[in-house]
N, C-alpha and C. Protein backbone atom coordinates (compact mmCIF):
# COMPACT_ATOMS: atom_id res chain seq x y z
N MET A 1 0.81 -1.22 0.00
CA MET A 1 0.00 0.00 0.00
C MET A 1 0.85 1.27 0.00
N LEU A 2 1.96 1.23 0.72
CA LEU A 2 2.78 2.43 0.85
C LEU A 2 3.38 2.87 -0.49
N ILE A 3 3.40 1.97 -1.46
CA ILE A 3 3.96 2.32 -2.76
C ILE A 3 3.16 3.45 -3.42
N TYR A 4 1.88 3.58 -3.05
CA TYR A 4 1.06 4.64 -3.63
C TYR A 4 1.53 6.02 -3.18
N LEU A 5 2.26 6.09 -2.08
CA LEU A 5 2.75 7.39 -1.60
C LEU A 5 4.00 7.84 -2.36
N ARG A 6 4.53 6.99 -3.24
CA ARG A 6 5.65 7.41 -4.09
C ARG A 6 5.17 8.34 -5.19
N ASP A 7 3.88 8.36 -5.41
CA ASP A 7 3.28 9.28 -6.38
C ASP A 7 3.27 10.67 -5.76
N TYR A 8 3.73 11.68 -6.49
CA TYR A 8 3.87 13.03 -5.94
C TYR A 8 2.55 13.59 -5.41
N ALA A 9 1.48 13.43 -6.17
CA ALA A 9 0.20 13.97 -5.75
C ALA A 9 -0.28 13.29 -4.46
N ASN A 10 -0.14 11.99 -4.40
CA ASN A 10 -0.57 11.25 -3.20
C ASN A 10 0.31 11.60 -2.00
N ALA A 11 1.58 11.85 -2.25
CA ALA A 11 2.49 12.24 -1.17
C ALA A 11 2.10 13.60 -0.59
N ILE A 12 1.64 14.51 -1.44
CA ILE A 12 1.17 15.81 -0.97
C ILE A 12 -0.07 15.63 -0.12
N THR A 13 -0.96 14.74 -0.55
CA THR A 13 -2.16 14.45 0.24
C THR A 13 -1.78 13.91 1.61
N ALA A 14 -0.79 13.01 1.64
CA ALA A 14 -0.33 12.44 2.91
C ALA A 14 0.24 13.51 3.83
N ALA A 15 0.98 14.46 3.26
CA ALA A 15 1.51 15.58 4.06
C ALA A 15 0.37 16.39 4.64
N GLY A 16 -0.70 16.54 3.87
CA GLY A 16 -1.87 17.26 4.36
C GLY A 16 -2.48 16.58 5.57
N TYR A 17 -2.49 15.25 5.58
CA TYR A 17 -3.04 14.51 6.72
C TYR A 17 -2.26 14.80 8.00
N VAL A 18 -0.97 15.01 7.89
CA VAL A 18 -0.16 15.33 9.07
C VAL A 18 -0.66 16.63 9.70
N PHE A 19 -0.89 17.64 8.86
CA PHE A 19 -1.39 18.92 9.36
C PHE A 19 -2.82 18.76 9.89
N ALA A 20 -3.61 17.89 9.27
CA ALA A 20 -4.98 17.68 9.72
C ALA A 20 -5.01 17.05 11.11
N ILE A 21 -4.19 16.04 11.31
CA ILE A 21 -4.15 15.37 12.62
C ILE A 21 -3.63 16.33 13.69
N LEU A 22 -2.61 17.13 13.33
CA LEU A 22 -2.09 18.13 14.26
C LEU A 22 -3.18 19.15 14.60
N GLY A 23 -3.92 19.57 13.58
CA GLY A 23 -4.98 20.55 13.80
C GLY A 23 -6.06 20.03 14.73
N LEU A 24 -6.48 18.79 14.52
CA LEU A 24 -7.50 18.19 15.38
C LEU A 24 -6.97 18.01 16.80
N PHE A 25 -5.73 17.59 16.92
CA PHE A 25 -5.10 17.41 18.23
C PHE A 25 -5.06 18.73 19.00
N LEU A 26 -4.66 19.80 18.33
CA LEU A 26 -4.57 21.11 18.97
C LEU A 26 -5.95 21.60 19.40
N ALA A 27 -6.94 21.45 18.52
CA ALA A 27 -8.28 21.91 18.84
C ALA A 27 -8.86 21.17 20.04
N LEU A 28 -8.67 19.87 20.07
CA LEU A 28 -9.20 19.07 21.18
C LEU A 28 -8.49 19.36 22.50
N ASN A 29 -7.32 19.99 22.41
CA ASN A 29 -6.59 20.38 23.60
C ASN A 29 -6.74 21.87 23.90
N GLY A 30 -7.81 22.46 23.38
CA GLY A 30 -8.14 23.83 23.71
C GLY A 30 -7.44 24.90 22.90
N ARG A 31 -6.69 24.52 21.88
CA ARG A 31 -5.98 25.50 21.04
C ARG A 31 -6.68 25.56 19.69
N ILE A 32 -7.90 26.05 19.70
CA ILE A 32 -8.73 26.02 18.50
C ILE A 32 -8.14 26.88 17.38
N GLU A 33 -7.64 28.07 17.71
CA GLU A 33 -7.07 28.93 16.68
C GLU A 33 -5.85 28.28 16.02
N LEU A 34 -4.97 27.71 16.84
CA LEU A 34 -3.78 27.04 16.29
C LEU A 34 -4.18 25.80 15.49
N GLY A 35 -5.19 25.10 15.98
CA GLY A 35 -5.67 23.92 15.26
C GLY A 35 -6.23 24.29 13.89
N THR A 36 -6.96 25.39 13.83
CA THR A 36 -7.51 25.85 12.56
C THR A 36 -6.40 26.31 11.63
N ALA A 37 -5.39 26.96 12.20
CA ALA A 37 -4.23 27.39 11.39
C ALA A 37 -3.56 26.18 10.74
N SER A 38 -3.40 25.11 11.50
CA SER A 38 -2.80 23.89 10.96
C SER A 38 -3.70 23.27 9.90
N MET A 39 -5.01 23.27 10.16
CA MET A 39 -5.94 22.67 9.20
C MET A 39 -5.97 23.43 7.88
N LEU A 40 -5.70 24.73 7.92
CA LEU A 40 -5.64 25.50 6.68
C LEU A 40 -4.50 25.03 5.78
N TRP A 41 -3.45 24.51 6.39
CA TRP A 41 -2.35 23.97 5.58
C TRP A 41 -2.79 22.70 4.86
N MET A 42 -3.60 21.89 5.52
CA MET A 42 -4.15 20.75 4.80
C MET A 42 -5.08 21.24 3.68
N TRP A 43 -5.80 22.32 3.95
CA TRP A 43 -6.75 22.85 2.98
C TRP A 43 -6.04 23.23 1.68
N PHE A 44 -4.92 23.99 1.79
CA PHE A 44 -4.29 24.38 0.52
C PHE A 44 -3.46 23.26 -0.08
N LEU A 45 -2.96 22.34 0.74
CA LEU A 45 -2.29 21.17 0.17
C LEU A 45 -3.28 20.30 -0.59
N ASP A 46 -4.53 20.34 -0.15
CA ASP A 46 -5.58 19.58 -0.84
C ASP A 46 -5.79 20.11 -2.26
N HIS A 47 -5.55 21.40 -2.46
CA HIS A 47 -5.64 21.96 -3.81
C HIS A 47 -4.37 21.67 -4.61
N TRP A 48 -3.24 21.65 -3.92
CA TRP A 48 -1.98 21.38 -4.64
C TRP A 48 -1.91 19.93 -5.13
N ASP A 49 -2.46 18.99 -4.37
CA ASP A 49 -2.37 17.60 -4.85
C ASP A 49 -3.14 17.41 -6.15
N GLY A 50 -4.30 18.07 -6.25
CA GLY A 50 -5.05 18.01 -7.50
C GLY A 50 -4.33 18.72 -8.64
N HIS A 51 -3.70 19.84 -8.31
CA HIS A 51 -2.95 20.60 -9.32
C HIS A 51 -1.80 19.77 -9.87
N VAL A 52 -1.06 19.12 -8.97
CA VAL A 52 0.07 18.28 -9.39
C VAL A 52 -0.44 17.07 -10.17
N ALA A 53 -1.55 16.49 -9.72
CA ALA A 53 -2.10 15.32 -10.41
C ALA A 53 -2.48 15.65 -11.85
N ARG A 54 -3.06 16.83 -12.05
CA ARG A 54 -3.44 17.22 -13.42
C ARG A 54 -2.22 17.49 -14.27
N LYS A 55 -1.18 18.07 -13.68
CA LYS A 55 0.05 18.36 -14.43
C LYS A 55 0.77 17.07 -14.85
N MET A 56 0.67 16.04 -14.00
CA MET A 56 1.41 14.80 -14.25
C MET A 56 0.51 13.67 -14.74
N ASP A 57 -0.66 14.01 -15.20
CA ASP A 57 -1.66 13.01 -15.54
C ASP A 57 -1.13 11.92 -16.46
N ASN A 58 -0.34 12.28 -17.46
CA ASN A 58 0.15 11.31 -18.43
C ASN A 58 1.37 10.53 -17.95
N ARG A 59 1.94 10.92 -16.80
CA ARG A 59 3.15 10.28 -16.32
C ARG A 59 2.94 9.48 -15.03
N ARG A 60 1.72 9.42 -14.55
CA ARG A 60 1.45 8.68 -13.31
C ARG A 60 1.33 7.19 -13.60
N ARG A 61 1.77 6.40 -12.65
CA ARG A 61 1.69 4.95 -12.80
C ARG A 61 0.23 4.49 -12.75
N PRO A 62 -0.06 3.35 -13.36
CA PRO A 62 -1.44 2.84 -13.34
C PRO A 62 -1.95 2.65 -11.92
N GLY A 63 -3.16 3.07 -11.66
CA GLY A 63 -3.79 2.89 -10.35
C GLY A 63 -3.57 4.05 -9.40
N MET A 64 -2.58 4.89 -9.67
CA MET A 64 -2.27 5.99 -8.75
C MET A 64 -3.40 7.01 -8.70
N ALA A 65 -3.98 7.31 -9.84
CA ALA A 65 -5.05 8.31 -9.89
C ALA A 65 -6.29 7.82 -9.15
N ASP A 66 -6.66 6.54 -9.36
CA ASP A 66 -7.84 6.00 -8.68
C ASP A 66 -7.64 5.97 -7.17
N PHE A 67 -6.44 5.58 -6.74
CA PHE A 67 -6.13 5.59 -5.31
C PHE A 67 -6.19 7.02 -4.77
N GLY A 68 -5.62 7.95 -5.55
CA GLY A 68 -5.57 9.34 -5.11
C GLY A 68 -6.95 9.95 -4.91
N LYS A 69 -7.91 9.58 -5.74
CA LYS A 69 -9.27 10.11 -5.60
C LYS A 69 -9.88 9.70 -4.26
N SER A 70 -9.71 8.44 -3.89
CA SER A 70 -10.24 7.97 -2.60
C SER A 70 -9.47 8.57 -1.44
N PHE A 71 -8.15 8.60 -1.57
CA PHE A 71 -7.28 9.15 -0.53
C PHE A 71 -7.61 10.62 -0.28
N ASP A 72 -7.82 11.35 -1.35
CA ASP A 72 -8.16 12.76 -1.26
C ASP A 72 -9.56 12.95 -0.69
N GLY A 73 -10.47 12.03 -1.03
CA GLY A 73 -11.84 12.12 -0.53
C GLY A 73 -11.93 12.04 0.98
N PHE A 74 -11.14 11.15 1.57
CA PHE A 74 -11.11 11.05 3.03
C PHE A 74 -10.58 12.35 3.63
N GLY A 75 -9.61 12.96 2.96
CA GLY A 75 -9.07 14.23 3.43
C GLY A 75 -10.12 15.33 3.39
N ASP A 76 -10.95 15.34 2.33
CA ASP A 76 -12.03 16.32 2.23
C ASP A 76 -12.99 16.19 3.40
N PHE A 77 -13.31 14.96 3.77
CA PHE A 77 -14.21 14.75 4.91
C PHE A 77 -13.55 15.23 6.20
N PHE A 78 -12.25 15.02 6.31
CA PHE A 78 -11.51 15.39 7.51
C PHE A 78 -11.54 16.90 7.73
N HIS A 79 -11.08 17.66 6.70
CA HIS A 79 -10.99 19.11 6.91
C HIS A 79 -12.28 19.85 6.57
N GLY A 80 -13.17 19.19 5.83
CA GLY A 80 -14.40 19.86 5.44
C GLY A 80 -15.59 19.55 6.32
N VAL A 81 -15.53 18.44 7.07
CA VAL A 81 -16.67 18.02 7.88
C VAL A 81 -16.26 17.74 9.33
N LEU A 82 -15.30 16.84 9.52
CA LEU A 82 -14.95 16.41 10.87
C LEU A 82 -14.39 17.56 11.71
N PHE A 83 -13.42 18.29 11.15
CA PHE A 83 -12.81 19.36 11.94
C PHE A 83 -13.80 20.49 12.26
N PRO A 84 -14.54 21.02 11.27
CA PRO A 84 -15.51 22.06 11.61
C PRO A 84 -16.54 21.58 12.63
N SER A 85 -16.96 20.32 12.52
CA SER A 85 -17.92 19.77 13.48
C SER A 85 -17.33 19.76 14.89
N THR A 86 -16.07 19.40 14.98
CA THR A 86 -15.39 19.38 16.28
C THR A 86 -15.35 20.78 16.89
N VAL A 87 -15.01 21.77 16.07
CA VAL A 87 -14.94 23.16 16.55
C VAL A 87 -16.31 23.64 17.00
N ILE A 88 -17.34 23.29 16.24
CA ILE A 88 -18.70 23.70 16.59
C ILE A 88 -19.10 23.14 17.95
N VAL A 89 -18.80 21.87 18.19
CA VAL A 89 -19.14 21.25 19.47
C VAL A 89 -18.35 21.90 20.61
N LEU A 90 -17.06 22.14 20.39
CA LEU A 90 -16.22 22.74 21.43
C LEU A 90 -16.68 24.15 21.77
N ILE A 91 -16.94 24.95 20.76
CA ILE A 91 -17.35 26.33 21.00
C ILE A 91 -18.79 26.39 21.52
N GLY A 92 -19.64 25.50 21.01
CA GLY A 92 -21.04 25.48 21.43
C GLY A 92 -21.27 24.78 22.75
N ASN A 93 -20.21 24.20 23.34
CA ASN A 93 -20.31 23.50 24.63
C ASN A 93 -21.38 22.41 24.63
N GLY A 94 -21.52 21.76 23.49
CA GLY A 94 -22.46 20.64 23.42
C GLY A 94 -23.91 21.03 23.49
N SER A 95 -24.24 22.26 23.08
CA SER A 95 -25.63 22.71 23.13
C SER A 95 -26.48 21.99 22.09
N LEU A 96 -27.79 22.11 22.22
CA LEU A 96 -28.71 21.50 21.26
C LEU A 96 -28.50 22.10 19.87
N LEU A 97 -28.27 23.41 19.80
CA LEU A 97 -28.05 24.05 18.51
C LEU A 97 -26.77 23.56 17.86
N SER A 98 -25.73 23.32 18.66
CA SER A 98 -24.48 22.80 18.09
C SER A 98 -24.69 21.37 17.57
N PHE A 99 -25.53 20.60 18.26
CA PHE A 99 -25.85 19.25 17.78
C PHE A 99 -26.56 19.31 16.43
N ILE A 100 -27.52 20.22 16.31
CA ILE A 100 -28.26 20.37 15.05
C ILE A 100 -27.31 20.80 13.94
N ALA A 101 -26.38 21.72 14.26
CA ALA A 101 -25.43 22.19 13.26
C ALA A 101 -24.52 21.07 12.79
N VAL A 102 -24.02 20.27 13.74
CA VAL A 102 -23.14 19.15 13.39
C VAL A 102 -23.89 18.08 12.61
N LEU A 103 -25.09 17.76 13.04
CA LEU A 103 -25.91 16.78 12.33
C LEU A 103 -26.14 17.22 10.88
N SER A 104 -26.47 18.49 10.71
CA SER A 104 -26.71 19.03 9.37
C SER A 104 -25.45 18.96 8.52
N LEU A 105 -24.32 19.34 9.14
CA LEU A 105 -23.06 19.38 8.40
C LEU A 105 -22.58 17.99 8.00
N VAL A 106 -22.67 17.04 8.92
CA VAL A 106 -22.20 15.68 8.62
C VAL A 106 -23.07 15.03 7.54
N MET A 107 -24.39 15.16 7.67
CA MET A 107 -25.28 14.56 6.67
C MET A 107 -25.08 15.21 5.30
N ALA A 108 -25.02 16.53 5.27
CA ALA A 108 -24.84 17.24 4.00
C ALA A 108 -23.46 16.94 3.41
N GLY A 109 -22.44 16.89 4.27
CA GLY A 109 -21.09 16.61 3.80
C GLY A 109 -20.98 15.22 3.20
N ALA A 110 -21.58 14.23 3.86
CA ALA A 110 -21.54 12.86 3.35
C ALA A 110 -22.27 12.75 2.02
N LEU A 111 -23.44 13.40 1.94
CA LEU A 111 -24.20 13.38 0.68
C LEU A 111 -23.43 14.06 -0.44
N ARG A 112 -22.86 15.23 -0.11
CA ARG A 112 -22.16 16.00 -1.13
C ARG A 112 -20.92 15.29 -1.65
N LEU A 113 -20.13 14.71 -0.75
CA LEU A 113 -18.91 14.01 -1.16
C LEU A 113 -19.23 12.75 -1.96
N SER A 114 -20.29 12.06 -1.58
CA SER A 114 -20.71 10.87 -2.34
C SER A 114 -21.20 11.27 -3.73
N TYR A 115 -21.94 12.36 -3.79
CA TYR A 115 -22.43 12.86 -5.08
C TYR A 115 -21.26 13.25 -5.98
N PHE A 116 -20.31 13.99 -5.41
CA PHE A 116 -19.17 14.44 -6.21
C PHE A 116 -18.33 13.26 -6.69
N ALA A 117 -18.16 12.24 -5.83
CA ALA A 117 -17.35 11.08 -6.20
C ALA A 117 -17.93 10.36 -7.41
N ASN A 118 -19.25 10.43 -7.57
CA ASN A 118 -19.90 9.72 -8.66
C ASN A 118 -20.20 10.60 -9.87
N VAL A 119 -20.42 11.90 -9.64
CA VAL A 119 -20.81 12.79 -10.73
C VAL A 119 -19.66 13.69 -11.17
N GLY A 120 -18.89 14.19 -10.19
CA GLY A 120 -17.76 15.06 -10.50
C GLY A 120 -18.18 16.48 -10.83
N LEU A 121 -17.29 17.21 -11.46
CA LEU A 121 -17.55 18.59 -11.84
C LEU A 121 -18.48 18.66 -13.04
N THR A 122 -19.06 19.84 -13.24
CA THR A 122 -19.86 20.06 -14.44
C THR A 122 -18.93 20.18 -15.65
N SER A 123 -19.50 20.29 -16.82
CA SER A 123 -18.69 20.37 -18.05
C SER A 123 -17.83 21.62 -18.11
N ASN A 124 -18.22 22.66 -17.36
CA ASN A 124 -17.42 23.88 -17.32
C ASN A 124 -16.60 24.00 -16.03
N ALA A 125 -16.25 22.84 -15.45
CA ALA A 125 -15.38 22.76 -14.27
C ALA A 125 -15.92 23.52 -13.07
N ARG A 126 -17.20 23.30 -12.79
CA ARG A 126 -17.82 23.91 -11.62
C ARG A 126 -18.38 22.84 -10.69
N PHE A 127 -18.40 23.17 -9.41
CA PHE A 127 -19.02 22.29 -8.42
C PHE A 127 -20.52 22.59 -8.38
N GLN A 128 -21.32 21.55 -8.20
CA GLN A 128 -22.74 21.75 -7.95
C GLN A 128 -22.93 21.71 -6.44
N GLY A 129 -23.38 22.82 -5.88
CA GLY A 129 -23.41 22.97 -4.43
C GLY A 129 -22.06 23.49 -3.96
N ILE A 130 -22.03 24.14 -2.81
CA ILE A 130 -20.77 24.68 -2.30
C ILE A 130 -19.92 23.54 -1.76
N PRO A 131 -18.67 23.43 -2.18
CA PRO A 131 -17.79 22.34 -1.71
C PRO A 131 -17.56 22.39 -0.20
N VAL A 132 -17.35 21.23 0.41
CA VAL A 132 -17.06 21.18 1.85
C VAL A 132 -15.70 21.81 2.15
N SER A 133 -14.88 22.00 1.13
CA SER A 133 -13.57 22.63 1.35
C SER A 133 -13.69 24.09 1.78
N TYR A 134 -14.89 24.66 1.71
CA TYR A 134 -15.09 26.03 2.18
C TYR A 134 -15.31 26.09 3.69
N ASP A 135 -15.48 24.94 4.33
CA ASP A 135 -15.87 24.93 5.74
C ASP A 135 -14.75 25.38 6.69
N THR A 136 -13.55 24.84 6.50
CA THR A 136 -12.45 25.26 7.38
C THR A 136 -12.10 26.73 7.19
N PRO A 137 -12.05 27.27 5.95
CA PRO A 137 -11.84 28.71 5.81
C PRO A 137 -12.92 29.53 6.51
N LEU A 138 -14.17 29.02 6.52
CA LEU A 138 -15.23 29.75 7.22
C LEU A 138 -14.99 29.75 8.72
N VAL A 139 -14.53 28.61 9.25
CA VAL A 139 -14.17 28.56 10.67
C VAL A 139 -13.09 29.59 10.97
N ALA A 140 -12.09 29.68 10.08
CA ALA A 140 -10.99 30.63 10.27
C ALA A 140 -11.50 32.07 10.28
N ILE A 141 -12.41 32.39 9.36
CA ILE A 141 -12.97 33.75 9.30
C ILE A 141 -13.72 34.08 10.58
N PHE A 142 -14.50 33.12 11.06
CA PHE A 142 -15.24 33.35 12.30
C PHE A 142 -14.30 33.58 13.48
N LEU A 143 -13.25 32.79 13.56
CA LEU A 143 -12.31 32.93 14.68
C LEU A 143 -11.58 34.27 14.64
N LEU A 144 -11.23 34.71 13.43
CA LEU A 144 -10.57 36.01 13.31
C LEU A 144 -11.52 37.15 13.69
N GLY A 145 -12.80 36.95 13.43
CA GLY A 145 -13.78 37.99 13.75
C GLY A 145 -14.35 37.88 15.15
N LYS A 146 -13.97 36.86 15.88
CA LYS A 146 -14.52 36.62 17.21
C LYS A 146 -14.36 37.79 18.17
N PRO A 147 -13.20 38.47 18.19
CA PRO A 147 -13.06 39.60 19.13
C PRO A 147 -14.10 40.70 18.94
N ALA A 148 -14.70 40.78 17.75
CA ALA A 148 -15.69 41.83 17.49
C ALA A 148 -17.12 41.39 17.80
N VAL A 149 -17.30 40.14 18.22
CA VAL A 149 -18.62 39.59 18.48
C VAL A 149 -18.80 39.37 19.98
N PRO A 150 -19.93 39.78 20.54
CA PRO A 150 -20.19 39.52 21.96
C PRO A 150 -20.09 38.03 22.27
N ASP A 151 -19.48 37.67 23.40
CA ASP A 151 -19.26 36.26 23.74
C ASP A 151 -20.52 35.43 23.70
N GLY A 152 -21.61 36.00 24.14
CA GLY A 152 -22.85 35.23 24.20
C GLY A 152 -23.46 34.94 22.84
N MET A 153 -23.03 35.67 21.81
CA MET A 153 -23.61 35.49 20.48
C MET A 153 -22.75 34.65 19.55
N PHE A 154 -21.46 34.52 19.86
CA PHE A 154 -20.54 33.90 18.90
C PHE A 154 -20.91 32.45 18.58
N ALA A 155 -21.15 31.64 19.60
CA ALA A 155 -21.48 30.23 19.37
C ALA A 155 -22.74 30.08 18.55
N THR A 156 -23.75 30.92 18.84
CA THR A 156 -25.01 30.86 18.10
C THR A 156 -24.81 31.22 16.63
N LEU A 157 -24.06 32.29 16.39
CA LEU A 157 -23.80 32.70 15.00
C LEU A 157 -23.04 31.63 14.24
N LEU A 158 -22.06 31.00 14.90
CA LEU A 158 -21.28 29.94 14.26
C LEU A 158 -22.18 28.78 13.86
N CYS A 159 -23.04 28.36 14.77
CA CYS A 159 -23.93 27.23 14.49
C CYS A 159 -24.90 27.55 13.36
N VAL A 160 -25.50 28.73 13.41
CA VAL A 160 -26.46 29.12 12.37
C VAL A 160 -25.78 29.20 11.01
N ALA A 161 -24.57 29.75 10.99
CA ALA A 161 -23.83 29.86 9.72
C ALA A 161 -23.58 28.49 9.11
N PHE A 162 -23.26 27.51 9.93
CA PHE A 162 -22.97 26.18 9.37
C PHE A 162 -24.23 25.39 9.05
N ILE A 163 -25.33 25.70 9.68
CA ILE A 163 -26.60 25.09 9.28
C ILE A 163 -26.97 25.58 7.89
N VAL A 164 -26.79 26.88 7.66
CA VAL A 164 -27.05 27.46 6.32
C VAL A 164 -26.08 26.87 5.30
N LEU A 165 -24.81 26.78 5.67
CA LEU A 165 -23.80 26.25 4.74
C LEU A 165 -24.08 24.79 4.41
N ALA A 166 -24.56 24.03 5.39
CA ALA A 166 -24.90 22.63 5.14
C ALA A 166 -25.96 22.52 4.05
N ALA A 167 -26.95 23.41 4.11
CA ALA A 167 -28.00 23.41 3.08
C ALA A 167 -27.42 23.75 1.71
N LEU A 168 -26.47 24.68 1.68
CA LEU A 168 -25.85 25.08 0.41
C LEU A 168 -24.94 23.99 -0.15
N HIS A 169 -24.42 23.12 0.72
CA HIS A 169 -23.59 22.00 0.25
C HIS A 169 -24.37 21.10 -0.70
N VAL A 170 -25.65 20.94 -0.45
CA VAL A 170 -26.45 20.00 -1.25
C VAL A 170 -27.39 20.72 -2.20
N ALA A 171 -27.22 22.03 -2.35
CA ALA A 171 -28.05 22.80 -3.27
C ALA A 171 -27.44 22.75 -4.66
N THR A 172 -27.80 21.75 -5.45
CA THR A 172 -27.18 21.55 -6.76
C THR A 172 -27.36 22.71 -7.74
N PRO A 173 -28.44 23.54 -7.63
CA PRO A 173 -28.51 24.70 -8.54
C PRO A 173 -27.38 25.71 -8.31
N VAL A 174 -26.79 25.70 -7.10
CA VAL A 174 -25.68 26.60 -6.81
C VAL A 174 -24.41 26.02 -7.44
N GLN A 175 -23.74 26.80 -8.27
CA GLN A 175 -22.52 26.32 -8.92
C GLN A 175 -21.34 27.22 -8.56
N VAL A 176 -20.24 26.58 -8.18
CA VAL A 176 -19.04 27.28 -7.73
C VAL A 176 -17.86 26.84 -8.57
N PRO A 177 -17.09 27.77 -9.14
CA PRO A 177 -15.92 27.36 -9.93
C PRO A 177 -14.87 26.69 -9.08
N ALA A 178 -14.21 25.68 -9.63
CA ALA A 178 -13.14 24.98 -8.92
C ALA A 178 -11.91 25.86 -8.85
N ILE A 179 -11.16 25.74 -7.76
CA ILE A 179 -9.90 26.48 -7.61
C ILE A 179 -8.83 25.72 -8.39
N ARG A 180 -8.46 26.27 -9.52
CA ARG A 180 -7.49 25.62 -10.40
C ARG A 180 -6.53 26.64 -11.01
N GLY A 181 -5.46 26.11 -11.61
CA GLY A 181 -4.51 26.98 -12.32
C GLY A 181 -3.89 28.03 -11.42
N LYS A 182 -3.95 29.29 -11.86
CA LYS A 182 -3.32 30.38 -11.13
C LYS A 182 -4.00 30.65 -9.78
N ALA A 183 -5.23 30.18 -9.64
CA ALA A 183 -5.95 30.41 -8.38
C ALA A 183 -5.37 29.57 -7.23
N VAL A 184 -4.68 28.48 -7.57
CA VAL A 184 -4.12 27.60 -6.53
C VAL A 184 -3.06 28.30 -5.70
N PRO A 185 -2.00 28.90 -6.31
CA PRO A 185 -1.02 29.60 -5.49
C PRO A 185 -1.59 30.81 -4.76
N VAL A 186 -2.56 31.49 -5.38
CA VAL A 186 -3.19 32.64 -4.72
C VAL A 186 -3.92 32.18 -3.45
N ALA A 187 -4.71 31.11 -3.59
CA ALA A 187 -5.43 30.57 -2.43
C ALA A 187 -4.46 30.09 -1.36
N SER A 188 -3.31 29.54 -1.79
CA SER A 188 -2.31 29.05 -0.84
C SER A 188 -1.70 30.18 -0.03
N VAL A 189 -1.40 31.28 -0.71
CA VAL A 189 -0.81 32.45 -0.02
C VAL A 189 -1.82 33.03 0.98
N VAL A 190 -3.06 33.14 0.56
CA VAL A 190 -4.10 33.66 1.45
C VAL A 190 -4.26 32.76 2.67
N ALA A 191 -4.30 31.44 2.45
CA ALA A 191 -4.45 30.50 3.55
C ALA A 191 -3.26 30.56 4.50
N ALA A 192 -2.06 30.69 3.95
CA ALA A 192 -0.86 30.78 4.79
C ALA A 192 -0.89 32.05 5.65
N CYS A 193 -1.31 33.17 5.05
CA CYS A 193 -1.38 34.43 5.80
C CYS A 193 -2.44 34.35 6.90
N VAL A 194 -3.58 33.75 6.58
CA VAL A 194 -4.65 33.61 7.58
C VAL A 194 -4.20 32.68 8.70
N SER A 195 -3.46 31.63 8.36
CA SER A 195 -2.99 30.71 9.39
C SER A 195 -2.02 31.40 10.35
N VAL A 196 -1.18 32.30 9.81
CA VAL A 196 -0.26 33.06 10.67
C VAL A 196 -1.06 33.97 11.60
N ALA A 197 -2.08 34.64 11.05
CA ALA A 197 -2.93 35.52 11.87
C ALA A 197 -3.62 34.73 12.97
N LEU A 198 -4.09 33.54 12.66
CA LEU A 198 -4.74 32.70 13.66
C LEU A 198 -3.76 32.24 14.73
N ALA A 199 -2.55 31.91 14.30
CA ALA A 199 -1.52 31.48 15.25
C ALA A 199 -1.20 32.61 16.23
N ILE A 200 -1.11 33.83 15.72
CA ILE A 200 -0.85 34.99 16.58
C ILE A 200 -2.02 35.20 17.54
N LEU A 201 -3.25 35.11 17.01
CA LEU A 201 -4.44 35.27 17.84
C LEU A 201 -4.48 34.20 18.93
N GLY A 202 -4.13 32.97 18.54
CA GLY A 202 -4.12 31.88 19.51
C GLY A 202 -3.13 32.12 20.63
N GLN A 203 -1.95 32.62 20.26
CA GLN A 203 -0.93 32.92 21.27
C GLN A 203 -1.38 34.06 22.19
N LEU A 204 -2.04 35.06 21.63
CA LEU A 204 -2.54 36.18 22.44
C LEU A 204 -3.60 35.70 23.41
N ASN A 205 -4.50 34.85 22.93
CA ASN A 205 -5.54 34.32 23.80
C ASN A 205 -4.98 33.49 24.92
N THR A 206 -3.93 32.70 24.59
CA THR A 206 -3.27 31.89 25.61
C THR A 206 -2.58 32.78 26.64
N GLY A 207 -1.95 33.84 26.15
CA GLY A 207 -1.27 34.78 27.05
C GLY A 207 -2.24 35.46 27.98
N PHE A 208 -3.40 35.87 27.44
CA PHE A 208 -4.42 36.52 28.27
C PHE A 208 -4.96 35.56 29.32
N GLY A 209 -5.04 34.28 28.91
CA GLY A 209 -5.58 33.29 29.83
C GLY A 209 -4.67 33.07 31.02
N LYS A 210 -3.38 33.37 30.86
CA LYS A 210 -2.44 33.15 31.96
C LYS A 210 -2.34 34.36 32.87
N CYS A 211 -2.93 35.48 32.47
CA CYS A 211 -2.81 36.70 33.28
C CYS A 211 -3.72 36.64 34.51
């Protein structure tokens, strides 16, 4: 099985899993901002593996592409569904609304990923429904904006936002262009900058907690 990681695209996906596991570990240990920063690295590596796969399509060994699709799919569930759900539960303190948000997100995410695995992109390279890959960036945006939101409202707003996003995940009339070509490095730079901002915010919050 490990021979599949000799493929460049699959190796990039594997590197993304390292950041994903680190992100989940940090979040579960109370470092949600740092965990999200780490998960953003998996997010942009998830775009790079597809970019590399398309560039090397004619030079990949037999079976590598099929393996890569499944390998990448598990990663999409990890950073697009599992991690945001974990953050929602942690921030929502296990409230009923956080349960509804997670239930909506997991069901919509599973449906959407299964649909995409069988149907794929439209003829003009668009996703039908908003991809689950938008979920971790949304978590990051919320965390960066948290200082401007009253403490009592933040968890509610987060849950409501993801309930709405879950509905948009399975709204096939909604079409979103895939991040490809020149958009990949741009998205990577943005994600890296946001991850640095989150890391700084996380350190500040930790420092305040010790005062």
